[in-house]
Protein backbone atom coordinates (compact mmCIF):
# COMPACT_ATOMS: atom_id res chain seq x y z
CA MET A 1 68.39 167.38 145.49
CA THR A 2 70.81 164.67 146.66
CA LEU A 3 69.50 161.30 147.79
CA ARG A 4 70.97 162.01 151.29
CA ASN A 5 69.02 165.33 151.52
CA ALA A 6 65.77 163.57 150.46
CA LEU A 7 65.91 161.07 153.24
CA THR A 8 64.70 161.66 156.79
CA PRO A 9 67.11 160.81 159.63
CA LEU A 10 64.97 157.74 160.41
CA SER A 11 64.82 156.50 156.78
CA LEU A 12 68.59 157.19 156.33
CA ALA A 13 69.39 155.08 159.38
CA ALA A 14 67.20 152.22 158.06
CA LEU A 15 68.91 152.38 154.75
CA LEU A 16 72.38 152.38 156.40
CA ALA A 17 71.39 149.41 158.51
CA SER A 18 70.08 147.59 155.49
CA GLY A 19 73.39 148.21 153.66
CA ALA A 20 75.38 146.97 156.67
CA ALA A 21 73.36 143.78 156.89
CA SER A 22 73.86 143.21 153.14
CA ALA A 23 77.62 143.74 153.51
CA GLN A 24 77.76 141.27 156.42
CA GLU A 25 75.76 138.59 154.55
CA THR A 26 77.63 135.31 154.14
CA TYR A 27 77.34 132.13 152.03
CA LYS A 28 76.79 129.42 154.64
CA LEU A 29 78.39 125.98 154.20
CA ALA A 30 77.34 123.45 156.78
CA TYR A 31 79.66 120.61 157.84
CA ILE A 32 77.86 117.39 158.88
CA ASP A 33 80.02 114.55 160.04
CA PRO A 34 80.98 112.61 163.19
CA LEU A 35 82.17 114.89 166.02
CA SER A 36 81.49 112.40 168.85
CA GLY A 37 81.77 108.68 169.24
CA PRO A 38 84.44 106.21 167.98
CA PHE A 39 85.17 108.16 164.85
CA ALA A 40 85.16 111.70 166.41
CA ASN A 41 88.94 112.11 165.80
CA VAL A 42 88.34 111.48 162.02
CA GLY A 43 85.46 113.88 161.94
CA GLU A 44 87.44 116.70 163.76
CA LEU A 45 90.35 116.28 161.28
CA MET A 46 87.99 116.47 158.29
CA LEU A 47 86.38 119.59 159.82
CA ALA A 48 89.81 121.19 160.13
CA ASN A 49 90.54 120.47 156.50
CA VAL A 50 87.26 121.94 155.31
CA ARG A 51 87.80 124.97 157.50
CA TYR A 52 91.20 125.50 155.91
CA GLY A 53 89.65 125.38 152.44
CA VAL A 54 86.96 128.00 153.59
CA ASP A 55 89.69 130.15 154.93
CA GLU A 56 91.51 129.99 151.59
CA VAL A 57 88.34 131.04 149.71
CA ASN A 58 87.92 134.03 152.06
CA ALA A 59 91.62 135.02 151.96
CA ALA A 60 91.38 135.24 148.13
CA GLY A 61 88.55 137.69 148.40
CA GLY A 62 85.64 135.42 148.97
CA LEU A 63 82.79 134.92 146.51
CA PRO A 64 81.42 137.49 143.89
CA GLY A 65 80.63 140.80 145.55
CA GLY A 66 83.08 140.10 148.37
CA VAL A 67 80.68 137.74 150.07
CA LYS A 68 82.49 135.54 152.58
CA MET A 69 81.94 131.85 153.05
CA GLU A 70 80.87 130.89 156.59
CA LEU A 71 81.31 127.47 157.93
CA LEU A 72 78.78 125.96 160.33
CA GLN A 73 79.28 122.60 161.97
CA PHE A 74 76.93 119.78 163.12
CA ASP A 75 77.53 116.30 164.61
CA SER A 76 75.98 113.42 162.46
CA LYS A 77 76.73 110.95 165.29
CA LEU A 78 77.22 108.36 162.57
CA SER A 79 73.45 108.23 162.38
CA ALA A 80 71.17 108.66 159.39
CA GLN A 81 68.37 109.88 161.77
CA GLU A 82 70.67 112.37 163.57
CA SER A 83 71.97 113.62 160.24
CA GLN A 84 68.38 114.43 159.17
CA SER A 85 68.11 116.60 162.35
CA ALA A 86 71.47 118.13 161.55
CA LEU A 87 70.34 118.95 158.00
CA GLN A 88 67.19 120.61 159.21
CA ALA A 89 69.19 122.71 161.75
CA ALA A 90 71.63 123.70 158.93
CA VAL A 91 68.97 124.92 156.53
CA ASP A 92 67.18 126.70 159.44
CA ARG A 93 70.34 128.69 159.89
CA GLY A 94 70.48 129.49 156.20
CA ALA A 95 72.95 126.98 154.85
CA ARG A 96 73.13 126.88 151.03
CA ALA A 97 75.44 123.80 150.72
CA ILE A 98 76.26 120.80 153.03
CA VAL A 99 79.69 119.26 153.07
CA THR A 100 79.80 115.68 154.36
CA GLY A 101 81.19 112.28 153.66
CA GLY A 102 83.05 111.01 156.77
CA SER A 103 79.90 109.38 158.21
CA GLY A 104 79.63 106.61 155.70
CA SER A 105 77.38 106.02 152.70
CA SER A 106 74.16 105.41 154.63
CA VAL A 107 74.39 108.76 156.35
CA VAL A 108 75.37 110.61 153.13
CA ALA A 109 72.50 108.94 151.31
CA ALA A 110 70.08 110.04 154.03
CA ILE A 111 71.39 113.69 153.79
CA VAL A 112 70.97 113.65 149.95
CA LYS A 113 67.42 112.32 150.31
CA GLY A 114 66.65 114.97 152.93
CA ALA A 115 68.08 117.67 150.73
CA GLU A 116 65.95 116.53 147.85
CA ARG A 117 62.81 116.78 150.01
CA TRP A 118 63.83 120.19 151.23
CA ASN A 119 64.55 121.45 147.73
CA GLN A 120 61.28 120.27 146.34
CA ARG A 121 59.37 122.08 149.09
CA ASN A 122 61.48 125.25 149.13
CA PRO A 123 62.16 126.49 145.64
CA GLY A 124 64.65 129.36 145.72
CA ARG A 125 66.16 128.07 148.97
CA GLU A 126 67.72 124.78 147.60
CA VAL A 127 70.74 123.24 149.25
CA LEU A 128 73.61 121.32 147.56
CA VAL A 129 75.45 118.35 149.02
CA ILE A 130 79.21 118.18 148.54
CA ASN A 131 80.44 114.67 149.47
CA HIS A 132 84.17 114.58 150.15
CA SER A 133 84.75 110.99 151.33
CA SER A 134 81.75 108.58 151.02
CA ILE A 135 82.66 106.53 147.93
CA ASP A 136 79.51 104.40 147.39
CA PRO A 137 79.21 104.25 143.53
CA GLU A 138 75.40 104.18 143.92
CA LEU A 139 75.51 107.80 145.03
CA THR A 140 76.66 108.59 141.57
CA GLY A 141 74.90 105.63 140.03
CA LYS A 142 71.38 104.50 140.33
CA ASN A 143 70.80 106.76 143.31
CA CYS A 144 72.39 109.82 141.79
CA SER A 145 70.85 113.28 142.49
CA PHE A 146 71.25 116.61 140.76
CA TRP A 147 71.92 118.11 144.20
CA HIS A 148 74.78 115.78 145.09
CA PHE A 149 78.47 116.13 144.02
CA GLN A 150 81.14 113.66 144.96
CA THR A 151 84.72 114.91 145.19
CA GLU A 152 86.39 111.60 146.01
CA ALA A 153 86.97 108.74 143.61
CA ASN A 154 84.28 106.14 144.09
CA THR A 155 84.72 102.50 145.21
CA ALA A 156 84.92 101.10 141.73
CA MET A 157 87.57 103.54 140.68
CA LYS A 158 89.68 102.81 143.72
CA MET A 159 89.31 99.03 143.38
CA LYS A 160 90.22 99.38 139.71
CA ALA A 161 93.53 100.93 140.74
CA ILE A 162 94.18 98.26 143.32
CA ALA A 163 93.30 95.50 140.76
CA ASN A 164 95.69 96.97 138.31
CA PHE A 165 98.45 96.99 140.90
CA ILE A 166 97.70 93.43 142.13
CA ALA A 167 97.79 92.30 138.46
CA ARG A 168 101.60 92.96 138.52
CA THR A 169 102.15 91.71 142.19
CA PRO A 170 102.66 88.02 141.91
CA SER A 171 103.39 87.52 145.62
CA VAL A 172 99.59 88.04 146.26
CA LYS A 173 98.13 84.49 145.84
CA LYS A 174 95.47 83.88 148.51
CA VAL A 175 93.02 86.65 149.50
CA TYR A 176 90.65 86.87 152.53
CA LEU A 177 87.89 89.48 152.43
CA LEU A 178 87.13 91.11 155.83
CA ASN A 179 84.85 94.09 155.89
CA GLN A 180 82.44 96.24 157.97
CA ASP A 181 78.85 95.04 157.84
CA TYR A 182 77.18 97.84 156.03
CA ALA A 183 76.36 98.68 152.42
CA HIS A 184 79.79 99.99 151.48
CA GLY A 185 81.68 97.16 153.26
CA HIS A 186 79.71 94.68 151.12
CA GLN A 187 80.45 96.73 148.00
CA TRP A 188 84.14 96.80 148.69
CA ALA A 189 84.14 92.99 149.10
CA SER A 190 82.04 92.49 145.96
CA TYR A 191 84.30 94.77 143.84
CA GLY A 192 87.35 93.11 145.25
CA LYS A 193 86.18 89.68 144.08
CA ASP A 194 85.04 90.84 140.74
CA MET A 195 87.91 93.24 139.68
CA VAL A 196 90.87 91.55 141.38
CA GLY A 197 89.51 88.23 140.15
CA ALA A 198 89.29 89.52 136.55
CA ALA A 199 92.82 91.03 136.79
CA ARG A 200 94.32 87.95 138.35
CA PRO A 201 92.27 84.75 137.54
CA ASP A 202 94.89 82.67 139.35
CA ILE A 203 94.22 84.27 142.70
CA GLN A 204 92.33 82.17 145.34
CA PHE A 205 89.61 83.82 147.47
CA VAL A 206 89.89 81.77 150.57
CA GLY A 207 87.37 83.31 152.96
CA GLU A 208 85.03 86.18 153.70
CA ALA A 209 83.57 87.77 156.77
CA PHE A 210 81.70 90.98 157.88
CA HIS A 211 81.70 92.55 161.35
CA PRO A 212 79.76 95.40 163.05
CA THR A 213 81.16 98.84 162.33
CA GLY A 214 83.02 100.51 165.24
CA ARG A 215 81.91 97.90 167.78
CA VAL A 216 84.54 95.13 167.68
CA LYS A 217 87.10 95.62 170.45
CA ASP A 218 89.25 92.61 169.75
CA PHE A 219 89.87 91.34 166.19
CA ALA A 220 91.84 88.30 167.39
CA PRO A 221 89.05 85.78 166.48
CA TYR A 222 88.88 87.33 162.96
CA VAL A 223 92.64 87.18 162.60
CA ALA A 224 92.59 83.44 163.67
CA ASN A 225 90.15 82.61 160.91
CA ILE A 226 92.23 84.52 158.36
CA LYS A 227 95.30 82.62 159.45
CA GLN A 228 93.49 79.31 159.20
CA SER A 229 92.48 80.15 155.73
CA GLY A 230 96.09 80.42 154.62
CA ALA A 231 95.63 83.96 153.16
CA ASP A 232 98.65 86.11 152.39
CA ALA A 233 96.51 89.22 151.77
CA VAL A 234 93.29 90.77 152.97
CA ILE A 235 90.94 93.01 151.03
CA THR A 236 89.36 95.21 153.73
CA GLY A 237 87.47 98.46 153.76
CA ASN A 238 87.98 98.92 157.48
CA TRP A 239 88.97 102.50 158.63
CA GLY A 240 89.49 104.33 161.90
CA GLN A 241 89.68 102.12 164.98
CA ASP A 242 88.41 99.05 162.96
CA MET A 243 91.64 99.24 160.94
CA THR A 244 94.05 99.96 163.79
CA LEU A 245 92.64 97.23 165.96
CA LEU A 246 92.79 94.78 163.12
CA LEU A 247 96.45 95.71 162.56
CA LYS A 248 97.14 95.27 166.33
CA ALA A 249 95.47 91.87 166.53
CA ALA A 250 97.39 90.59 163.51
CA GLY A 251 100.61 91.98 164.94
CA ASP A 252 99.98 90.36 168.33
CA ALA A 253 99.50 87.03 166.50
CA GLY A 254 102.75 87.51 164.51
CA TYR A 255 100.84 87.40 161.27
CA ASN A 256 102.55 89.25 158.38
CA LEU A 257 99.69 90.13 156.04
CA ARG A 258 99.25 92.36 153.04
CA TYR A 259 96.21 94.65 153.36
CA PHE A 260 94.45 96.33 150.48
CA ASN A 261 92.23 99.23 151.45
CA HIS A 262 90.53 102.24 149.91
CA SER A 263 91.51 105.07 152.31
CA ALA A 264 92.54 103.91 155.77
CA GLY A 265 96.11 105.15 155.44
CA ALA A 266 94.92 108.71 155.68
CA VAL A 267 93.02 108.29 158.95
CA PRO A 268 94.82 109.31 162.13
CA GLY A 269 96.46 106.54 164.03
CA THR A 270 96.82 104.09 161.13
CA VAL A 271 100.48 104.85 160.43
CA LEU A 272 101.27 104.76 164.16
CA ALA A 273 99.54 101.35 164.36
CA VAL A 274 101.61 99.96 161.47
CA SER A 275 104.82 101.29 163.07
CA GLN A 276 103.92 99.63 166.43
CA THR A 277 103.07 96.21 164.98
CA GLN A 278 106.19 96.06 162.80
CA LEU A 279 104.33 93.45 160.76
CA GLY A 280 102.10 93.70 157.74
CA GLN A 281 101.87 96.06 154.74
CA LEU A 282 98.92 98.40 154.36
CA THR A 283 98.37 99.41 150.69
CA TRP A 284 95.63 101.95 150.00
CA VAL A 285 94.51 104.41 147.40
CA ALA A 286 94.14 108.20 147.52
CA GLU A 287 94.61 111.26 145.32
CA TRP A 288 97.84 111.99 147.20
CA HIS A 289 100.05 110.89 150.00
CA PRO A 290 102.61 112.87 152.07
CA GLY A 291 106.03 112.98 150.45
CA GLN A 292 104.69 112.07 147.02
CA ALA A 293 107.37 113.35 144.58
CA GLU A 294 104.94 113.84 141.75
CA ARG A 295 102.78 116.30 143.67
CA PRO A 296 105.10 119.04 145.16
CA GLN A 297 102.22 121.54 145.29
CA ALA A 298 100.22 119.25 147.57
CA ASP A 299 103.23 118.64 149.77
CA ALA A 300 103.84 122.38 150.08
CA LEU A 301 100.13 122.88 150.99
CA ALA A 302 100.46 120.15 153.57
CA LYS A 303 103.44 121.77 155.19
CA ALA A 304 101.69 125.18 155.17
CA TYR A 305 98.67 123.55 156.80
CA GLN A 306 100.75 121.88 159.51
CA ALA A 307 102.60 125.12 160.22
CA ARG A 308 99.30 127.05 160.59
CA THR A 309 97.18 124.49 162.43
CA GLY A 310 99.72 122.34 164.26
CA SER A 311 98.08 119.17 162.88
CA GLU A 312 98.61 116.89 160.03
CA TYR A 313 96.94 117.49 156.71
CA LEU A 314 94.47 114.88 155.74
CA ALA A 315 93.45 115.04 152.12
CA PRO A 316 93.56 117.63 149.29
CA ARG A 317 90.05 116.72 148.10
CA ILE A 318 88.62 117.77 151.52
CA GLU A 319 90.48 121.05 151.52
CA PHE A 320 89.68 121.86 147.95
CA SER A 321 85.97 120.89 148.12
CA PRO A 322 85.00 124.51 149.28
CA LEU A 323 87.37 125.89 146.67
CA LEU A 324 85.62 123.80 143.94
CA LEU A 325 82.24 125.12 145.15
CA ALA A 326 83.55 128.64 145.15
CA ALA A 327 84.84 128.19 141.49
CA ALA A 328 81.33 127.07 140.49
CA ILE A 329 79.78 130.10 142.26
CA ARG A 330 82.13 132.41 140.36
CA LYS A 331 81.42 130.60 137.08
CA ALA A 332 77.63 130.93 137.71
CA GLY A 333 77.96 134.59 138.78
CA SER A 334 75.37 133.64 141.40
CA THR A 335 74.89 131.79 144.68
CA ASP A 336 71.55 130.42 143.54
CA SER A 337 71.87 126.70 144.06
CA VAL A 338 70.38 125.66 140.74
CA ALA A 339 72.80 127.84 138.82
CA VAL A 340 75.73 126.70 140.94
CA ALA A 341 74.81 123.03 140.37
CA TYR A 342 74.78 123.62 136.58
CA ALA A 343 78.07 125.49 136.86
CA LEU A 344 79.59 122.52 138.73
CA GLU A 345 78.64 120.10 135.93
CA GLY A 346 81.67 119.56 133.69
CA LEU A 347 83.81 122.00 135.75
CA ARG A 348 87.54 121.69 135.28
CA TYR A 349 89.61 122.69 138.22
CA GLU A 350 93.39 123.00 138.63
CA SER A 351 93.94 121.46 142.03
CA VAL A 352 97.08 120.67 143.93
CA VAL A 353 97.01 117.12 142.70
CA GLY A 354 96.63 118.14 139.00
CA PRO A 355 93.61 118.87 136.95
CA VAL A 356 90.34 117.42 137.93
CA GLN A 357 86.92 117.42 136.31
CA MET A 358 83.34 117.06 137.61
CA ARG A 359 81.70 114.55 135.25
CA ALA A 360 78.42 116.11 134.23
CA ASP A 361 76.54 112.90 133.67
CA ASP A 362 76.70 111.70 137.34
CA HIS A 363 78.50 114.42 139.33
CA GLN A 364 81.51 112.12 140.01
CA LEU A 365 84.80 114.00 140.16
CA LEU A 366 87.46 112.41 138.10
CA LEU A 367 90.80 112.80 139.97
CA PRO A 368 94.10 110.81 139.94
CA GLN A 369 94.59 107.87 142.34
CA VAL A 370 97.92 106.83 143.92
CA VAL A 371 98.33 103.23 145.13
CA ASN A 372 100.75 103.51 148.03
CA THR A 373 102.00 101.51 150.98
CA ILE A 374 102.84 102.43 154.54
CA ALA A 375 106.60 101.59 154.85
CA PRO A 376 109.73 102.47 156.92
CA VAL A 377 111.57 105.66 155.95
CA ASP A 378 114.55 104.63 153.77
CA GLY A 379 115.67 108.01 152.34
CA LYS A 380 114.82 106.85 148.84
CA ARG A 381 111.28 105.86 148.22
CA VAL A 382 110.03 106.93 151.57
CA LYS A 383 111.69 110.13 152.67
CA ILE A 384 109.48 111.49 155.49
CA GLY A 385 107.85 109.95 158.54
CA TRP A 386 104.27 110.50 159.57
CA GLU A 387 102.46 110.76 162.84
CA GLY A 388 105.75 111.14 164.72
CA THR A 389 107.15 107.77 163.41
CA GLN A 390 109.80 106.58 161.00
CA PHE A 391 107.07 105.17 158.77
CA GLY A 392 105.70 107.02 155.72
CA PHE A 393 104.23 106.34 152.28
CA ARG A 394 105.74 104.56 149.38
CA THR A 395 104.30 105.26 145.91
CA ASP A 396 103.59 101.96 144.08
CA ALA A 397 101.54 103.18 141.14
CA VAL A 398 99.76 106.40 139.87
CA TYR A 399 96.63 106.23 137.70
CA ASP A 400 94.78 109.04 135.96
CA GLY A 401 91.10 109.63 136.87
CA LEU A 402 90.00 109.20 133.30
CA ALA A 403 91.71 105.74 133.09
CA LEU A 404 89.87 104.59 136.22
CA ALA A 405 86.48 106.04 135.37
CA GLN A 406 83.66 103.44 135.36
CA PRO A 407 80.36 103.52 133.47
CA SER A 408 77.51 104.96 135.54
CA ALA A 409 73.82 103.86 135.80
CA CYS A 410 72.85 107.44 136.71
CA LYS A 411 69.65 108.74 135.19
CA MET A 412 69.35 112.22 136.64
CA GLU A 413 66.33 114.45 136.83
CA ARG A 414 67.37 118.02 136.41
CA PRO A 415 65.32 121.17 137.26
CA ALA A 416 64.88 123.83 134.73
CA ARG A 417 67.70 126.37 134.37
CA LYS A 418 66.88 129.80 135.74
CA GLY A 419 67.12 132.93 133.76
């Protein structure tokens, strides 16, 4: 007797329905970042980059068993409290991983703590946190978590690259530190003084100030203080409107400054702001910049992204975060979060910016960093414009991730392996 003949019409229908539900099951990845407020444009662009990565995973056949990755989206509203609500909503809808990072270190830290609490209370339904942009070293240092993975170089790695570059830039002599008044802004200032000071003991730090994040409408008073100090360069962690308004205020004052930053050049509107002021040089650090000759694969991907979406590509690390997660799921042969986390540890991945590796000790991805400056297109070192301008990116130095890696204070508690 065949199985089909042994089943009643009702039980056969139930079995078929069960099979259909199984076939439609997805691996849910929840995006939690700002989708409203002063940094909504950044959050929307990051969302588009994550979605592109998810689409790549699914176009390549999805996860083992043909399971597709599904992207959910939630607004963090730049608030640690709101992010907790978003996390709860995400796990209620079955999310197995959270992708975040554009809301700042305090929000990411809150999401990680929330995930830890959820995982402790819900064994078998654990959730991972993939952090694509928050670069607080404490997230992979003393506050590290087995459930958190950072796919961006941290603050110390980025400042190390800038310090290496400033060490061979004698025109930088007097430095002012202007940063957003939150944990990471203070860290960026502290690393600037320590690392740049060690690389160039002759440099003078002539002033320091902190300002509220996303609330300053006119940076003219800050620029006046910088000018009075006699600074020729500013170490600033500002991004989004805090960076563009600073550039505008300095340009309006006719002040030609050199800015050293961790990631602002990738944020929409920054290149346009530099082109409009016609003054100042913004030097920043990332795993890639548009037009970088050393990374033709990344440039090809950026062009394909623009052709498909009609918008500018932001960062390889954001796009390949879902791909890195998918590679770990394939390696684990399971979507179980504990197994996937162990598979991520030490994982080597061939990305569009070259080979990267997830350091097992602290879950910090080691990826290359490019020191580059927003500059006019000259057909030689800057070949393409960005944001509809005749300004693009000039490669100043390239550093390997291993060369920039810093010691970690991480002491991680790991759950028992399953199986």
